[in-house]
Amino acid sequence: MISLRAFPAERRNPAEIPISNCNTQLIPNLIVMLSRTARPALRAAVAASARPVAPQAATYATLREIEDRLKSIRNIEKITNTMKIVASTKLTRAQRAMRESRSYGESSNSVFEHAETKALESDKKTLIVVASSDKGLCGGIHSGLSKKVRKMLAENSNADIVVLGEKCKAQLGRSNGKHIVLSFAGVGKDVPTFADAQAIADQIVLLPTEYASIQIVYNKFINATSYEATPIEAFSEEAIANSPNFSAFEIEDETLGNLREYTLANSLFWALAEGHACEQSARRNAMDNASKNAGDMITKYQILFNRTRQAVITGELVEIITGAAASEE
């Protein structure tokens, strides 16, 4: 602030001082004092006008976006970790059920192997039963089944499809919808039981078309990280009756029908149990990979956030130091 002590008391109000009474020697001194005092303020004003505001605001917006992205990725990581733990717990039960069903299925197959039962060659249709489920987030386990079925249809187009589960139904419905004659929903919610397989077999037996053979396509459990789409044969009544080691016995038609239906239910139980174990294993692996990827993304975004924040703080410090230096001048 300019001091007025150098001026007489009667001259402190410029409005009351006639111009003719002003001392002409004081005017240049006053101009010099004003210019020296206003110089730092002018420099600061010029620097402020030259400094862009938009990049700083954009930097703060970028920090907010990175922080929001980090928060969402952390939430996703929590979900995938939880799903991985749940799938690991369910996998133990699924493997136990798979071992039990496999013993039933292999025993049934050994009976027909000793009986030398073979699928009959005829002009009748083949029925393909696809054992999938309603749930996703398990990698390409369902698409592998659909790919296998499409390959089988390319080799033999005279076939119908029964789909267990909504996932393969949606995939095959887009490309081979005309072949689907029956579908089941609510598959894969829990560990399959023989009662579930029996209910499905009852509906398949009631289909009006007589099929030469029934092939059940399922995911065969190899180990905790691999599986393979595999078909197993469920023989028709005619094929069982014409077996070399069965034809030597007189078997009633009702008994033959019951044997065929039981064999179909047994094979379905085996396929569903193995498929369920493969699904839980694939889901655990998928969630594990998702959690690892989320962790990598969190690390990268955290580094980006720290660098951006450091740049903002450095810029603000530079502005403070520059302003302080300008004010000292």
Protein backbone atom coordinates (compact mmCIF):
# COMPACT_ATOMS: atom_id res chain seq x y z
CA MET A 1 0.00 0.00 0.00
CA ILE A 2 1.23 3.51 -0.85
CA SER A 3 2.02 5.65 2.24
CA LEU A 4 0.70 9.22 2.29
CA ARG A 5 2.98 10.43 5.09
CA ALA A 6 5.24 12.31 2.65
CA PHE A 7 2.40 14.59 1.66
CA PRO A 8 0.98 17.46 3.71
CA ALA A 9 -2.30 16.83 5.48
CA GLU A 10 -4.16 19.27 3.26
CA ARG A 11 -3.07 17.34 0.18
CA ARG A 12 -4.24 13.86 1.21
CA ASN A 13 -7.51 14.21 -0.71
CA PRO A 14 -6.65 14.63 -4.38
CA ALA A 15 -10.16 15.80 -5.19
CA GLU A 16 -9.67 18.91 -3.04
CA ILE A 17 -6.25 19.83 -4.47
CA PRO A 18 -6.14 22.17 -7.44
CA ILE A 19 -3.97 21.00 -10.25
CA SER A 20 -2.18 24.27 -10.30
CA ASN A 21 -1.04 23.76 -6.69
CA CYS A 22 0.48 20.29 -7.33
CA ASN A 23 4.19 19.92 -7.10
CA THR A 24 5.30 18.77 -10.53
CA GLN A 25 8.37 17.02 -9.09
CA LEU A 26 6.28 14.61 -7.03
CA ILE A 27 4.31 13.26 -10.00
CA PRO A 28 7.17 11.26 -11.61
CA ASN A 29 8.15 9.86 -8.22
CA LEU A 30 4.58 8.76 -7.63
CA ILE A 31 4.39 7.06 -11.04
CA VAL A 32 7.62 5.17 -10.34
CA MET A 33 6.36 4.02 -6.95
CA LEU A 34 3.08 2.84 -8.46
CA SER A 35 4.82 0.95 -11.27
CA ARG A 36 7.20 -0.82 -8.87
CA THR A 37 4.38 -1.81 -6.57
CA ALA A 38 2.06 -3.02 -9.33
CA ARG A 39 4.76 -4.95 -11.20
CA PRO A 40 4.47 -8.26 -9.24
CA ALA A 41 0.69 -8.12 -9.39
CA LEU A 42 0.79 -7.57 -13.13
CA ARG A 43 3.21 -10.45 -13.59
CA ALA A 44 0.99 -12.75 -11.55
CA ALA A 45 -2.06 -11.64 -13.55
CA VAL A 46 -0.27 -12.27 -16.84
CA ALA A 47 0.90 -15.70 -15.65
CA ALA A 48 -2.60 -16.57 -14.48
CA SER A 49 -4.10 -15.51 -17.80
CA ALA A 50 -1.49 -17.48 -19.72
CA ARG A 51 -1.96 -20.60 -17.61
CA PRO A 52 -4.70 -22.93 -19.07
CA VAL A 53 -7.43 -23.98 -16.67
CA ALA A 54 -8.87 -26.83 -18.70
CA PRO A 55 -5.93 -29.28 -18.32
CA GLN A 56 -6.02 -29.00 -14.54
CA ALA A 57 -9.76 -29.61 -14.47
CA ALA A 58 -9.28 -32.49 -16.91
CA THR A 59 -6.58 -33.93 -14.63
CA TYR A 60 -8.90 -33.89 -11.66
CA ALA A 61 -11.61 -35.52 -13.80
CA THR A 62 -9.12 -38.18 -14.88
CA LEU A 63 -8.24 -38.88 -11.26
CA ARG A 64 -11.90 -39.30 -10.44
CA GLU A 65 -12.39 -41.67 -13.39
CA ILE A 66 -9.38 -43.77 -12.40
CA GLU A 67 -10.58 -43.92 -8.80
CA ASP A 68 -14.07 -45.02 -9.91
CA ARG A 69 -12.56 -47.63 -12.20
CA LEU A 70 -10.39 -48.96 -9.37
CA LYS A 71 -13.42 -49.21 -7.12
CA SER A 72 -15.44 -51.16 -9.70
CA ILE A 73 -12.55 -53.55 -10.44
CA ARG A 74 -12.04 -54.21 -6.74
CA ASN A 75 -15.74 -55.05 -6.41
CA ILE A 76 -15.49 -57.43 -9.37
CA GLU A 77 -12.44 -59.07 -7.80
CA LYS A 78 -14.39 -59.67 -4.59
CA ILE A 79 -17.24 -61.28 -6.57
CA THR A 80 -14.95 -63.54 -8.60
CA ASN A 81 -13.04 -64.62 -5.49
CA THR A 82 -16.30 -65.49 -3.77
CA MET A 83 -17.52 -67.45 -6.79
CA LYS A 84 -14.21 -69.28 -6.94
CA ILE A 85 -14.56 -70.36 -3.30
CA VAL A 86 -18.17 -71.47 -3.86
CA ALA A 87 -17.21 -73.43 -6.99
CA SER A 88 -14.34 -75.12 -5.13
CA THR A 89 -16.74 -76.21 -2.40
CA LYS A 90 -19.27 -77.51 -4.91
CA LEU A 91 -16.57 -79.28 -6.89
CA THR A 92 -15.84 -81.61 -3.96
CA ARG A 93 -19.48 -82.74 -3.83
CA ALA A 94 -19.67 -82.96 -7.61
CA GLN A 95 -16.61 -85.21 -7.82
CA ARG A 96 -18.06 -87.51 -5.17
CA ALA A 97 -21.31 -87.83 -7.14
CA MET A 98 -19.33 -88.30 -10.35
CA ARG A 99 -17.40 -91.26 -8.93
CA GLU A 100 -20.62 -92.90 -7.80
CA SER A 101 -22.36 -92.38 -11.14
CA ARG A 102 -19.32 -93.56 -13.05
CA SER A 103 -19.39 -96.90 -11.25
CA TYR A 104 -23.03 -97.34 -12.28
CA GLY A 105 -22.38 -96.31 -15.86
CA GLU A 106 -19.29 -98.44 -16.32
CA SER A 107 -21.07 -101.47 -14.83
CA SER A 108 -23.96 -101.00 -17.24
CA ASN A 109 -21.62 -100.66 -20.20
CA SER A 110 -19.70 -103.77 -19.20
CA VAL A 111 -22.96 -105.77 -19.29
CA PHE A 112 -23.60 -104.76 -22.89
CA GLU A 113 -19.98 -105.31 -23.82
CA HIS A 114 -20.20 -108.90 -22.58
CA ALA A 115 -23.52 -109.27 -24.39
CA GLU A 116 -21.82 -107.93 -27.56
CA THR A 117 -24.59 -105.39 -28.05
CA LYS A 118 -24.10 -103.09 -31.03
CA ALA A 119 -26.13 -100.29 -32.56
CA LEU A 120 -28.18 -101.45 -35.53
CA GLU A 121 -27.63 -100.00 -38.96
CA SER A 122 -30.95 -98.80 -40.29
CA ASP A 123 -32.62 -95.86 -41.95
CA LYS A 124 -34.17 -94.76 -38.67
CA LYS A 125 -33.16 -91.53 -37.06
CA THR A 126 -30.50 -91.12 -34.40
CA LEU A 127 -31.32 -89.23 -31.22
CA ILE A 128 -28.60 -87.00 -29.79
CA VAL A 129 -29.02 -86.03 -26.13
CA VAL A 130 -26.89 -83.04 -25.11
CA ALA A 131 -26.10 -82.91 -21.38
CA SER A 132 -25.44 -79.25 -20.58
CA SER A 133 -26.89 -76.94 -17.90
CA ASP A 134 -28.57 -73.57 -17.32
CA LYS A 135 -25.61 -71.77 -15.77
CA GLY A 136 -22.74 -69.90 -17.35
CA LEU A 137 -19.50 -68.24 -16.21
CA CYS A 138 -17.67 -71.53 -16.75
CA GLY A 139 -15.50 -70.89 -19.79
CA GLY A 140 -16.20 -72.69 -23.06
CA ILE A 141 -17.67 -75.83 -21.54
CA HIS A 142 -21.06 -75.41 -23.25
CA SER A 143 -19.70 -74.21 -26.57
CA GLY A 144 -17.52 -77.33 -26.74
CA LEU A 145 -20.63 -79.52 -26.50
CA SER A 146 -22.41 -77.50 -29.18
CA LYS A 147 -19.39 -77.78 -31.46
CA LYS A 148 -19.33 -81.56 -31.00
CA VAL A 149 -23.05 -81.86 -31.79
CA ARG A 150 -22.70 -79.74 -34.94
CA LYS A 151 -19.89 -82.01 -36.08
CA MET A 152 -22.07 -85.08 -35.50
CA LEU A 153 -24.94 -83.48 -37.43
CA ALA A 154 -22.60 -82.71 -40.31
CA GLU A 155 -21.74 -86.42 -40.50
CA ASN A 156 -25.35 -87.60 -40.05
CA SER A 157 -28.10 -85.06 -40.68
CA ASN A 158 -30.84 -87.67 -40.09
CA ALA A 159 -30.91 -86.99 -36.37
CA ASP A 160 -32.96 -85.27 -33.70
CA ILE A 161 -31.69 -83.42 -30.64
CA VAL A 162 -32.80 -83.43 -27.01
CA VAL A 163 -31.14 -80.64 -25.03
CA LEU A 164 -30.68 -80.72 -21.26
CA GLY A 165 -30.07 -77.13 -20.15
CA GLU A 166 -30.70 -73.69 -21.57
CA LYS A 167 -27.13 -72.86 -22.55
CA CYS A 168 -26.72 -75.40 -25.35
CA LYS A 169 -30.35 -74.90 -26.32
CA ALA A 170 -29.65 -71.24 -27.06
CA GLN A 171 -26.48 -72.07 -29.01
CA LEU A 172 -27.90 -74.97 -31.03
CA GLY A 173 -31.23 -73.20 -31.52
CA ARG A 174 -29.54 -70.54 -33.65
CA SER A 175 -27.84 -73.00 -36.00
CA ASN A 176 -29.76 -76.30 -35.72
CA GLY A 177 -33.11 -75.33 -34.28
CA LYS A 178 -35.09 -77.58 -36.61
CA HIS A 179 -33.43 -80.68 -35.13
CA ILE A 180 -34.45 -79.93 -31.52
CA VAL A 181 -37.50 -81.99 -30.52
CA LEU A 182 -37.33 -81.76 -26.72
CA SER A 183 -35.55 -79.62 -24.13
CA PHE A 184 -35.30 -79.49 -20.36
CA ALA A 185 -34.69 -76.48 -18.10
CA GLY A 186 -33.56 -76.30 -14.49
CA VAL A 187 -30.52 -78.51 -15.09
CA GLY A 188 -27.33 -77.94 -13.11
CA LYS A 189 -28.76 -76.11 -10.11
CA ASP A 190 -27.60 -78.87 -7.78
CA VAL A 191 -25.80 -82.20 -7.89
CA PRO A 192 -27.72 -84.50 -10.28
CA THR A 193 -29.50 -87.52 -8.84
CA PHE A 194 -30.72 -90.74 -10.38
CA ALA A 195 -34.29 -89.53 -9.89
CA ASP A 196 -33.55 -86.54 -12.13
CA ALA A 197 -32.11 -88.81 -14.80
CA GLN A 198 -35.08 -91.17 -14.51
CA ALA A 199 -37.55 -88.30 -15.02
CA ILE A 200 -35.69 -87.21 -18.16
CA ALA A 201 -35.53 -90.79 -19.47
CA ASP A 202 -39.29 -91.18 -19.01
CA GLN A 203 -39.91 -88.17 -21.26
CA ILE A 204 -37.44 -89.35 -23.91
CA VAL A 205 -39.06 -92.79 -24.08
CA LEU A 206 -42.42 -91.13 -24.78
CA LEU A 207 -41.16 -89.45 -27.96
CA PRO A 208 -43.25 -90.64 -30.94
CA THR A 209 -40.26 -91.31 -33.21
CA GLU A 210 -38.53 -94.67 -32.99
CA TYR A 211 -34.79 -94.18 -33.06
CA ALA A 212 -32.12 -96.62 -34.14
CA SER A 213 -29.76 -95.40 -31.42
CA ILE A 214 -29.45 -92.77 -28.73
CA GLN A 215 -26.14 -90.99 -28.27
CA ILE A 216 -25.60 -88.92 -25.13
CA VAL A 217 -23.03 -86.15 -25.58
CA TYR A 218 -21.50 -84.97 -22.31
CA ASN A 219 -18.30 -83.46 -20.94
CA LYS A 220 -16.00 -86.22 -19.77
CA PHE A 221 -14.00 -85.27 -16.68
CA ILE A 222 -10.28 -85.85 -17.29
CA ASN A 223 -8.76 -83.81 -14.48
CA ALA A 224 -9.36 -80.55 -12.63
CA THR A 225 -8.23 -78.45 -15.59
CA SER A 226 -9.34 -80.42 -18.66
CA TYR A 227 -12.43 -82.11 -20.05
CA GLU A 228 -13.59 -83.49 -23.38
CA ALA A 229 -16.94 -83.65 -25.17
CA THR A 230 -17.65 -87.38 -25.51
CA PRO A 231 -20.65 -89.40 -26.77
CA ILE A 232 -21.86 -92.60 -25.11
CA GLU A 233 -24.33 -95.05 -26.65
CA ALA A 234 -27.70 -95.90 -25.13
CA PHE A 235 -28.97 -98.91 -27.07
CA SER A 236 -32.51 -99.35 -28.35
CA GLU A 237 -34.78 -102.28 -27.47
CA GLU A 238 -34.17 -103.84 -30.85
CA ALA A 239 -30.40 -103.64 -30.46
CA ILE A 240 -30.58 -105.20 -26.99
CA ALA A 241 -32.88 -107.98 -28.20
CA ASN A 242 -30.52 -108.79 -31.09
CA SER A 243 -27.45 -109.02 -28.87
CA PRO A 244 -25.72 -112.40 -29.42
CA ASN A 245 -25.54 -113.22 -25.72
CA PHE A 246 -29.05 -111.89 -24.96
CA SER A 247 -30.83 -113.63 -27.81
CA ALA A 248 -30.11 -117.01 -26.23
CA PHE A 249 -32.56 -116.13 -23.46
CA GLU A 250 -36.28 -115.60 -23.66
CA ILE A 251 -36.84 -112.05 -22.46
CA GLU A 252 -40.33 -110.62 -22.21
CA ASP A 253 -41.07 -107.41 -24.04
CA GLU A 254 -41.96 -105.59 -20.83
CA THR A 255 -38.70 -106.66 -19.22
CA LEU A 256 -36.79 -105.62 -22.32
CA GLY A 257 -38.46 -102.19 -22.26
CA ASN A 258 -37.69 -101.75 -18.57
CA LEU A 259 -34.07 -102.74 -19.16
CA ARG A 260 -33.75 -100.26 -21.97
CA GLU A 261 -35.29 -97.44 -19.92
CA TYR A 262 -33.12 -98.24 -16.91
CA THR A 263 -30.02 -98.29 -19.09
CA LEU A 264 -30.96 -94.91 -20.57
CA ALA A 265 -31.51 -93.41 -17.09
CA ASN A 266 -28.22 -94.89 -15.92
CA SER A 267 -26.32 -93.38 -18.83
CA LEU A 268 -28.04 -90.01 -18.34
CA PHE A 269 -27.13 -90.02 -14.66
CA TRP A 270 -23.52 -90.72 -15.54
CA ALA A 271 -23.44 -87.97 -18.17
CA LEU A 272 -25.13 -85.38 -15.95
CA ALA A 273 -22.87 -86.10 -12.98
CA GLU A 274 -19.68 -85.92 -15.03
CA GLY A 275 -20.89 -82.78 -16.78
CA HIS A 276 -21.71 -81.16 -13.44
CA ALA A 277 -18.22 -81.89 -12.12
CA CYS A 278 -16.67 -80.48 -15.29
CA GLU A 279 -18.84 -77.38 -15.00
CA GLN A 280 -17.81 -76.67 -11.40
CA SER A 281 -14.16 -77.26 -12.24
CA ALA A 282 -14.34 -74.98 -15.28
CA ARG A 283 -16.15 -72.29 -13.25
CA ARG A 284 -13.52 -72.42 -10.53
CA ASN A 285 -10.75 -72.07 -13.11
CA ALA A 286 -12.59 -69.25 -14.89
CA MET A 287 -13.14 -67.32 -11.66
CA ASP A 288 -9.52 -67.90 -10.65
CA ASN A 289 -8.32 -66.45 -13.96
CA ALA A 290 -10.77 -63.56 -13.62
CA SER A 291 -9.50 -62.79 -10.13
CA LYS A 292 -5.89 -62.83 -11.33
CA ASN A 293 -6.73 -60.54 -14.25
CA ALA A 294 -8.59 -58.19 -11.91
CA GLY A 295 -5.57 -58.11 -9.61
CA ASP A 296 -3.31 -57.22 -12.54
CA MET A 297 -5.68 -54.45 -13.62
CA ILE A 298 -5.85 -53.09 -10.07
CA THR A 299 -2.04 -52.92 -9.95
CA LYS A 300 -1.84 -51.09 -13.28
CA TYR A 301 -4.59 -48.62 -12.43
CA GLN A 302 -3.11 -47.99 -8.98
CA ILE A 303 0.23 -47.10 -10.57
CA LEU A 304 -1.56 -44.86 -13.08
CA PHE A 305 -3.52 -43.19 -10.28
CA ASN A 306 -0.37 -42.57 -8.22
CA ARG A 307 1.51 -41.11 -11.17
CA THR A 308 -1.39 -38.86 -12.16
CA ARG A 309 -1.86 -37.70 -8.58
CA GLN A 310 1.86 -37.05 -8.24
CA ALA A 311 1.78 -34.97 -11.43
CA VAL A 312 -1.12 -32.92 -10.07
CA ILE A 313 0.65 -32.30 -6.76
CA THR A 314 3.88 -31.39 -8.55
CA GLY A 315 2.02 -28.93 -10.77
CA GLU A 316 0.35 -27.30 -7.80
CA LEU A 317 3.68 -26.99 -5.97
CA VAL A 318 5.24 -25.38 -9.05
CA GLU A 319 2.38 -22.89 -9.18
CA ILE A 320 2.76 -22.05 -5.49
CA ILE A 321 6.53 -21.59 -5.79
CA THR A 322 6.17 -19.51 -8.95
CA GLY A 323 3.56 -17.30 -7.33
CA ALA A 324 5.68 -16.85 -4.21
CA ALA A 325 8.73 -15.95 -6.29
CA ALA A 326 6.70 -13.49 -8.32
CA SER A 327 5.31 -11.83 -5.22
CA GLU A 328 8.80 -11.46 -3.74
CA GLU A 329 9.94 -9.55 -6.81
